[in-house]
Amino acid sequence: MVLPHQENLERKHLVGKHAASLVTDGETIILDVGTTTTIVTTRLTGRRNLNVMTNALKAATILRAAPGNVVHLPVANSGC
């Protein structure tokens, strides 16, 4: 049995590498949650001054560490 996050891992790394190569310093991007997104995020650590909207806590934590990056992490409104 293969865990879902480990399926097609080699392909996910290729997609993540390519997607990250399309992002340059100073851009605004939106990232969703997922294993491929996490791979993209780890490949964006050298970028600076990104404006990122994400609902992925891991992505937000990684990208916020870079100088000048602004990360927006929306919270769910429970109606309380």
PDB file of N, CA and C in Angstrom:
ATOM      1  N   MET A   1       0.836  -1.185   0.000  1.00  0.00           N
ATOM      2  CA  MET A   1       0.000   0.000   0.000  1.00  0.00           C
ATOM      3  C   MET A   1       0.885   1.253   0.000  1.00  0.00           C
ATOM      4  N   VAL A   2       0.550   2.180  -0.864  1.00  0.00           N
ATOM      5  CA  VAL A   2       1.311   3.424  -0.975  1.00  0.00           C
ATOM      6  C   VAL A   2       0.482   4.558  -0.379  1.00  0.00           C
ATOM      7  N   LEU A   3       1.111   5.367   0.451  1.00  0.00           N
ATOM      8  CA  LEU A   3       0.424   6.528   1.007  1.00  0.00           C
ATOM      9  C   LEU A   3       0.158   7.538  -0.102  1.00  0.00           C
ATOM     10  N   PRO A   4      -0.999   8.210  -0.081  1.00  0.00           N
ATOM     11  CA  PRO A   4      -1.348   9.138  -1.158  1.00  0.00           C
ATOM     12  C   PRO A   4      -0.293  10.204  -1.428  1.00  0.00           C
ATOM     13  N   HIS A   5       0.361  10.726  -0.388  1.00  0.00           N
ATOM     14  CA  HIS A   5       1.357  11.775  -0.608  1.00  0.00           C
ATOM     15  C   HIS A   5       2.645  11.236  -1.223  1.00  0.00           C
ATOM     16  N   GLN A   6       2.789   9.910  -1.298  1.00  0.00           N
ATOM     17  CA  GLN A   6       3.984   9.323  -1.892  1.00  0.00           C
ATOM     18  C   GLN A   6       3.752   8.820  -3.316  1.00  0.00           C
ATOM     19  N   GLU A   7       2.515   8.837  -3.770  1.00  0.00           N
ATOM     20  CA  GLU A   7       2.215   8.393  -5.119  1.00  0.00           C
ATOM     21  C   GLU A   7       2.792   9.380  -6.128  1.00  0.00           C
ATOM     22  N   ASN A   8       3.383   8.864  -7.181  1.00  0.00           N
ATOM     23  CA  ASN A   8       3.919   9.684  -8.270  1.00  0.00           C
ATOM     24  C   ASN A   8       4.889  10.748  -7.776  1.00  0.00           C
ATOM     25  N   LEU A   9       5.654  10.430  -6.769  1.00  0.00           N
ATOM     26  CA  LEU A   9       6.536  11.417  -6.148  1.00  0.00           C
ATOM     27  C   LEU A   9       7.554  11.992  -7.138  1.00  0.00           C
ATOM     28  N   GLU A  10       8.095  11.154  -8.004  1.00  0.00           N
ATOM     29  CA  GLU A  10       9.065  11.645  -8.983  1.00  0.00           C
ATOM     30  C   GLU A  10       8.419  12.670  -9.918  1.00  0.00           C
ATOM     31  N   ARG A  11       7.207  12.388 -10.353  1.00  0.00           N
ATOM     32  CA  ARG A  11       6.490  13.321 -11.229  1.00  0.00           C
ATOM     33  C   ARG A  11       6.164  14.617 -10.497  1.00  0.00           C
ATOM     34  N   LYS A  12       5.776  14.492  -9.235  1.00  0.00           N
ATOM     35  CA  LYS A  12       5.467  15.686  -8.449  1.00  0.00           C
ATOM     36  C   LYS A  12       6.689  16.582  -8.318  1.00  0.00           C
ATOM     37  N   HIS A  13       7.854  15.986  -8.157  1.00  0.00           N
ATOM     38  CA  HIS A  13       9.082  16.784  -8.077  1.00  0.00           C
ATOM     39  C   HIS A  13       9.367  17.495  -9.399  1.00  0.00           C
ATOM     40  N   LEU A  14       9.116  16.824 -10.506  1.00  0.00           N
ATOM     41  CA  LEU A  14       9.317  17.462 -11.816  1.00  0.00           C
ATOM     42  C   LEU A  14       8.356  18.633 -12.010  1.00  0.00           C
ATOM     43  N   VAL A  15       7.099  18.426 -11.649  1.00  0.00           N
ATOM     44  CA  VAL A  15       6.101  19.490 -11.766  1.00  0.00           C
ATOM     45  C   VAL A  15       6.453  20.645 -10.836  1.00  0.00           C
ATOM     46  N   GLY A  16       6.823  20.321  -9.608  1.00  0.00           N
ATOM     47  CA  GLY A  16       7.190  21.349  -8.635  1.00  0.00           C
ATOM     48  C   GLY A  16       8.381  22.164  -9.079  1.00  0.00           C
ATOM     49  N   LYS A  17       9.377  21.500  -9.625  1.00  0.00           N
ATOM     50  CA  LYS A  17      10.570  22.200 -10.117  1.00  0.00           C
ATOM     51  C   LYS A  17      10.201  23.143 -11.257  1.00  0.00           C
ATOM     52  N   HIS A  18       9.386  22.659 -12.187  1.00  0.00           N
ATOM     53  CA  HIS A  18       9.000  23.493 -13.324  1.00  0.00           C
ATOM     54  C   HIS A  18       8.143  24.677 -12.878  1.00  0.00           C
ATOM     55  N   ALA A  19       7.161  24.409 -12.018  1.00  0.00           N
ATOM     56  CA  ALA A  19       6.286  25.490 -11.549  1.00  0.00           C
ATOM     57  C   ALA A  19       7.086  26.573 -10.833  1.00  0.00           C
ATOM     58  N   ALA A  20       8.008  26.174  -9.976  1.00  0.00           N
ATOM     59  CA  ALA A  20       8.822  27.148  -9.245  1.00  0.00           C
ATOM     60  C   ALA A  20       9.719  27.949 -10.184  1.00  0.00           C
ATOM     61  N   SER A  21      10.135  27.345 -11.276  1.00  0.00           N
ATOM     62  CA  SER A  21      11.005  28.052 -12.217  1.00  0.00           C
ATOM     63  C   SER A  21      10.277  29.184 -12.932  1.00  0.00           C
ATOM     64  N   LEU A  22       8.959  29.160 -12.911  1.00  0.00           N
ATOM     65  CA  LEU A  22       8.161  30.198 -13.554  1.00  0.00           C
ATOM     66  C   LEU A  22       7.957  31.426 -12.675  1.00  0.00           C
ATOM     67  N   VAL A  23       8.317  31.319 -11.400  1.00  0.00           N
ATOM     68  CA  VAL A  23       8.108  32.407 -10.438  1.00  0.00           C
ATOM     69  C   VAL A  23       9.400  33.195 -10.273  1.00  0.00           C
ATOM     70  N   THR A  24       9.301  34.522 -10.408  1.00  0.00           N
ATOM     71  CA  THR A  24      10.465  35.381 -10.217  1.00  0.00           C
ATOM     72  C   THR A  24      10.252  36.283  -9.010  1.00  0.00           C
ATOM     73  N   ASP A  25      11.327  36.883  -8.547  1.00  0.00           N
ATOM     74  CA  ASP A  25      11.256  37.797  -7.411  1.00  0.00           C
ATOM     75  C   ASP A  25      10.193  38.868  -7.650  1.00  0.00           C
ATOM     76  N   GLY A  26       9.455  39.195  -6.595  1.00  0.00           N
ATOM     77  CA  GLY A  26       8.487  40.279  -6.658  1.00  0.00           C
ATOM     78  C   GLY A  26       7.111  39.906  -7.185  1.00  0.00           C
ATOM     79  N   GLU A  27       6.898  38.671  -7.527  1.00  0.00           N
ATOM     80  CA  GLU A  27       5.598  38.284  -8.078  1.00  0.00           C
ATOM     81  C   GLU A  27       4.574  37.978  -6.991  1.00  0.00           C
ATOM     82  N   THR A  28       3.319  37.971  -7.401  1.00  0.00           N
ATOM     83  CA  THR A  28       2.215  37.573  -6.539  1.00  0.00           C
ATOM     84  C   THR A  28       1.734  36.213  -7.000  1.00  0.00           C
ATOM     85  N   ILE A  29       1.634  35.257  -6.055  1.00  0.00           N
ATOM     86  CA  ILE A  29       1.200  33.913  -6.396  1.00  0.00           C
ATOM     87  C   ILE A  29       0.181  33.412  -5.376  1.00  0.00           C
ATOM     88  N   ILE A  30      -0.595  32.439  -5.798  1.00  0.00           N
ATOM     89  CA  ILE A  30      -1.554  31.771  -4.923  1.00  0.00           C
ATOM     90  C   ILE A  30      -1.181  30.301  -4.876  1.00  0.00           C
ATOM     91  N   LEU A  31      -1.057  29.753  -3.677  1.00  0.00           N
ATOM     92  CA  LEU A  31      -0.712  28.347  -3.500  1.00  0.00           C
ATOM     93  C   LEU A  31      -1.778  27.647  -2.682  1.00  0.00           C
ATOM     94  N   ASP A  32      -2.192  26.485  -3.145  1.00  0.00           N
ATOM     95  CA  ASP A  32      -3.168  25.662  -2.441  1.00  0.00           C
ATOM     96  C   ASP A  32      -2.410  24.665  -1.554  1.00  0.00           C
ATOM     97  N   VAL A  33      -3.133  23.802  -0.894  1.00  0.00           N
ATOM     98  CA  VAL A  33      -2.556  22.767  -0.053  1.00  0.00           C
ATOM     99  C   VAL A  33      -2.298  21.524  -0.903  1.00  0.00           C
ATOM    100  N   GLY A  34      -1.221  20.821  -0.617  1.00  0.00           N
ATOM    101  CA  GLY A  34      -0.959  19.560  -1.294  1.00  0.00           C
ATOM    102  C   GLY A  34       0.515  19.227  -1.331  1.00  0.00           C
ATOM    103  N   THR A  35       0.808  17.979  -1.658  1.00  0.00           N
ATOM    104  CA  THR A  35       2.196  17.547  -1.680  1.00  0.00           C
ATOM    105  C   THR A  35       2.980  18.225  -2.802  1.00  0.00           C
ATOM    106  N   THR A  36       2.380  18.394  -3.948  1.00  0.00           N
ATOM    107  CA  THR A  36       3.072  19.065  -5.047  1.00  0.00           C
ATOM    108  C   THR A  36       3.321  20.527  -4.687  1.00  0.00           C
ATOM    109  N   THR A  37       2.354  21.146  -4.054  1.00  0.00           N
ATOM    110  CA  THR A  37       2.512  22.533  -3.616  1.00  0.00           C
ATOM    111  C   THR A  37       3.658  22.666  -2.619  1.00  0.00           C
ATOM    112  N   THR A  38       3.790  21.716  -1.733  1.00  0.00           N
ATOM    113  CA  THR A  38       4.889  21.738  -0.775  1.00  0.00           C
ATOM    114  C   THR A  38       6.228  21.666  -1.497  1.00  0.00           C
ATOM    115  N   ILE A  39       6.301  20.863  -2.536  1.00  0.00           N
ATOM    116  CA  ILE A  39       7.526  20.768  -3.329  1.00  0.00           C
ATOM    117  C   ILE A  39       7.813  22.101  -4.019  1.00  0.00           C
ATOM    118  N   VAL A  40       6.783  22.720  -4.589  1.00  0.00           N
ATOM    119  CA  VAL A  40       6.955  24.039  -5.211  1.00  0.00           C
ATOM    120  C   VAL A  40       7.483  25.022  -4.164  1.00  0.00           C
ATOM    121  N   THR A  41       6.880  25.018  -3.010  1.00  0.00           N
ATOM    122  CA  THR A  41       7.256  25.938  -1.932  1.00  0.00           C
ATOM    123  C   THR A  41       8.728  25.797  -1.558  1.00  0.00           C
ATOM    124  N   THR A  42       9.191  24.566  -1.422  1.00  0.00           N
ATOM    125  CA  THR A  42      10.591  24.368  -1.034  1.00  0.00           C
ATOM    126  C   THR A  42      11.541  24.859  -2.122  1.00  0.00           C
ATOM    127  N   ARG A  43      11.086  24.887  -3.355  1.00  0.00           N
ATOM    128  CA  ARG A  43      11.929  25.365  -4.460  1.00  0.00           C
ATOM    129  C   ARG A  43      11.834  26.888  -4.633  1.00  0.00           C
ATOM    130  N   LEU A  44      10.950  27.526  -3.894  1.00  0.00           N
ATOM    131  CA  LEU A  44      10.811  28.984  -3.956  1.00  0.00           C
ATOM    132  C   LEU A  44      11.577  29.704  -2.857  1.00  0.00           C
ATOM    133  N   THR A  45      12.280  28.954  -2.040  1.00  0.00           N
ATOM    134  CA  THR A  45      12.935  29.571  -0.881  1.00  0.00           C
ATOM    135  C   THR A  45      13.990  30.603  -1.260  1.00  0.00           C
ATOM    136  N   GLY A  46      14.503  30.574  -2.454  1.00  0.00           N
ATOM    137  CA  GLY A  46      15.486  31.567  -2.868  1.00  0.00           C
ATOM    138  C   GLY A  46      14.871  32.836  -3.426  1.00  0.00           C
ATOM    139  N   ARG A  47      13.553  32.850  -3.625  1.00  0.00           N
ATOM    140  CA  ARG A  47      12.888  34.031  -4.184  1.00  0.00           C
ATOM    141  C   ARG A  47      12.685  35.077  -3.097  1.00  0.00           C
ATOM    142  N   ARG A  48      12.674  36.328  -3.513  1.00  0.00           N
ATOM    143  CA  ARG A  48      12.516  37.434  -2.573  1.00  0.00           C
ATOM    144  C   ARG A  48      11.339  38.307  -2.987  1.00  0.00           C
ATOM    145  N   ASN A  49      10.779  38.981  -2.012  1.00  0.00           N
ATOM    146  CA  ASN A  49       9.693  39.940  -2.239  1.00  0.00           C
ATOM    147  C   ASN A  49       8.477  39.338  -2.925  1.00  0.00           C
ATOM    148  N   LEU A  50       8.167  38.105  -2.573  1.00  0.00           N
ATOM    149  CA  LEU A  50       6.958  37.481  -3.100  1.00  0.00           C
ATOM    150  C   LEU A  50       5.761  37.937  -2.280  1.00  0.00           C
ATOM    151  N   ASN A  51       4.631  38.016  -2.927  1.00  0.00           N
ATOM    152  CA  ASN A  51       3.358  38.267  -2.274  1.00  0.00           C
ATOM    153  C   ASN A  51       2.569  36.980  -2.460  1.00  0.00           C
ATOM    154  N   VAL A  52       2.365  36.246  -1.373  1.00  0.00           N
ATOM    155  CA  VAL A  52       1.807  34.896  -1.460  1.00  0.00           C
ATOM    156  C   VAL A  52       0.485  34.805  -0.706  1.00  0.00           C
ATOM    157  N   MET A  53      -0.521  34.246  -1.366  1.00  0.00           N
ATOM    158  CA  MET A  53      -1.795  33.918  -0.719  1.00  0.00           C
ATOM    159  C   MET A  53      -1.849  32.387  -0.683  1.00  0.00           C
ATOM    160  N   THR A  54      -2.001  31.829   0.509  1.00  0.00           N
ATOM    161  CA  THR A  54      -2.047  30.376   0.638  1.00  0.00           C
ATOM    162  C   THR A  54      -2.906  29.974   1.827  1.00  0.00           C
ATOM    163  N   ASN A  55      -3.484  28.800   1.734  1.00  0.00           N
ATOM    164  CA  ASN A  55      -4.198  28.229   2.867  1.00  0.00           C
ATOM    165  C   ASN A  55      -3.389  27.075   3.466  1.00  0.00           C
ATOM    166  N   ALA A  56      -2.124  26.964   3.037  1.00  0.00           N
ATOM    167  CA  ALA A  56      -1.234  25.908   3.515  1.00  0.00           C
ATOM    168  C   ALA A  56      -0.289  26.480   4.571  1.00  0.00           C
ATOM    169  N   LEU A  57      -0.464  26.059   5.797  1.00  0.00           N
ATOM    170  CA  LEU A  57       0.361  26.561   6.896  1.00  0.00           C
ATOM    171  C   LEU A  57       1.839  26.272   6.659  1.00  0.00           C
ATOM    172  N   LYS A  58       2.145  25.083   6.133  1.00  0.00           N
ATOM    173  CA  LYS A  58       3.539  24.731   5.874  1.00  0.00           C
ATOM    174  C   LYS A  58       4.160  25.672   4.837  1.00  0.00           C
ATOM    175  N   ALA A  59       3.431  25.944   3.760  1.00  0.00           N
ATOM    176  CA  ALA A  59       3.918  26.856   2.721  1.00  0.00           C
ATOM    177  C   ALA A  59       4.112  28.251   3.300  1.00  0.00           C
ATOM    178  N   ALA A  60       3.163  28.698   4.096  1.00  0.00           N
ATOM    179  CA  ALA A  60       3.254  30.027   4.698  1.00  0.00           C
ATOM    180  C   ALA A  60       4.483  30.143   5.590  1.00  0.00           C
ATOM    181  N   THR A  61       4.737  29.129   6.370  1.00  0.00           N
ATOM    182  CA  THR A  61       5.880  29.136   7.280  1.00  0.00           C
ATOM    183  C   THR A  61       7.199  29.174   6.511  1.00  0.00           C
ATOM    184  N   ILE A  62       7.300  28.366   5.472  1.00  0.00           N
ATOM    185  CA  ILE A  62       8.530  28.305   4.682  1.00  0.00           C
ATOM    186  C   ILE A  62       8.788  29.626   3.965  1.00  0.00           C
ATOM    187  N   LEU A  63       7.778  30.144   3.296  1.00  0.00           N
ATOM    188  CA  LEU A  63       7.966  31.337   2.471  1.00  0.00           C
ATOM    189  C   LEU A  63       8.103  32.612   3.291  1.00  0.00           C
ATOM    190  N   ARG A  64       7.531  32.653   4.462  1.00  0.00           N
ATOM    191  CA  ARG A  64       7.608  33.847   5.307  1.00  0.00           C
ATOM    192  C   ARG A  64       9.029  34.092   5.801  1.00  0.00           C
ATOM    193  N   ALA A  65       9.832  33.050   5.820  1.00  0.00           N
ATOM    194  CA  ALA A  65      11.198  33.165   6.321  1.00  0.00           C
ATOM    195  C   ALA A  65      12.108  33.955   5.384  1.00  0.00           C
ATOM    196  N   ALA A  66      11.751  34.076   4.120  1.00  0.00           N
ATOM    197  CA  ALA A  66      12.606  34.784   3.156  1.00  0.00           C
ATOM    198  C   ALA A  66      12.403  36.294   3.281  1.00  0.00           C
ATOM    199  N   PRO A  67      13.478  37.054   3.155  1.00  0.00           N
ATOM    200  CA  PRO A  67      13.402  38.518   3.281  1.00  0.00           C
ATOM    201  C   PRO A  67      12.440  39.147   2.269  1.00  0.00           C
ATOM    202  N   GLY A  68      11.564  39.989   2.774  1.00  0.00           N
ATOM    203  CA  GLY A  68      10.665  40.743   1.911  1.00  0.00           C
ATOM    204  C   GLY A  68       9.409  40.028   1.489  1.00  0.00           C
ATOM    205  N   ASN A  69       9.315  38.725   1.728  1.00  0.00           N
ATOM    206  CA  ASN A  69       8.101  38.015   1.338  1.00  0.00           C
ATOM    207  C   ASN A  69       6.946  38.400   2.254  1.00  0.00           C
ATOM    208  N   VAL A  70       5.785  38.574   1.659  1.00  0.00           N
ATOM    209  CA  VAL A  70       4.563  38.831   2.417  1.00  0.00           C
ATOM    210  C   VAL A  70       3.652  37.646   2.166  1.00  0.00           C
ATOM    211  N   VAL A  71       3.202  37.020   3.248  1.00  0.00           N
ATOM    212  CA  VAL A  71       2.362  35.825   3.131  1.00  0.00           C
ATOM    213  C   VAL A  71       1.010  36.104   3.773  1.00  0.00           C
ATOM    214  N   HIS A  72      -0.044  35.845   3.027  1.00  0.00           N
ATOM    215  CA  HIS A  72      -1.410  36.005   3.506  1.00  0.00           C
ATOM    216  C   HIS A  72      -1.979  34.608   3.733  1.00  0.00           C
ATOM    217  N   LEU A  73      -2.398  34.350   4.958  1.00  0.00           N
ATOM    218  CA  LEU A  73      -2.945  33.057   5.332  1.00  0.00           C
ATOM    219  C   LEU A  73      -4.369  33.278   5.823  1.00  0.00           C
ATOM    220  N   PRO A  74      -5.359  33.074   4.943  1.00  0.00           N
ATOM    221  CA  PRO A  74      -6.739  33.320   5.359  1.00  0.00           C
ATOM    222  C   PRO A  74      -7.172  32.309   6.425  1.00  0.00           C
ATOM    223  N   VAL A  75      -8.048  32.747   7.284  1.00  0.00           N
ATOM    224  CA  VAL A  75      -8.588  31.856   8.311  1.00  0.00           C
ATOM    225  C   VAL A  75     -10.057  31.595   8.021  1.00  0.00           C
ATOM    226  N   ALA A  76     -10.496  30.424   8.393  1.00  0.00           N
ATOM    227  CA  ALA A  76     -11.898  30.082   8.191  1.00  0.00           C
ATOM    228  C   ALA A  76     -12.751  30.835   9.207  1.00  0.00           C
ATOM    229  N   ASN A  77     -13.888  31.320   8.768  1.00  0.00           N
ATOM    230  CA  ASN A  77     -14.811  32.006   9.645  1.00  0.00           C
ATOM    231  C   ASN A  77     -15.872  31.018  10.060  1.00  0.00           C
ATOM    232  N   SER A  78     -15.866  30.666  11.331  1.00  0.00           N
ATOM    233  CA  SER A  78     -16.823  29.674  11.829  1.00  0.00           C
ATOM    234  C   SER A  78     -18.183  30.303  12.151  1.00  0.00           C
ATOM    235  N   GLY A  79     -18.292  31.606  11.969  1.00  0.00           N
ATOM    236  CA  GLY A  79     -19.563  32.261  12.243  1.00  0.00           C
ATOM    237  C   GLY A  79     -19.746  32.625  13.704  1.00  0.00           C
ATOM    238  N   CYS A  80     -18.717  32.436  14.503  1.00  0.00           N
ATOM    239  CA  CYS A  80     -18.826  32.749  15.949  1.00  0.00           C
ATOM    240  C   CYS A  80     -18.570  34.198  16.198  1.00  0.00           C
TER     241      CYS A  80
END
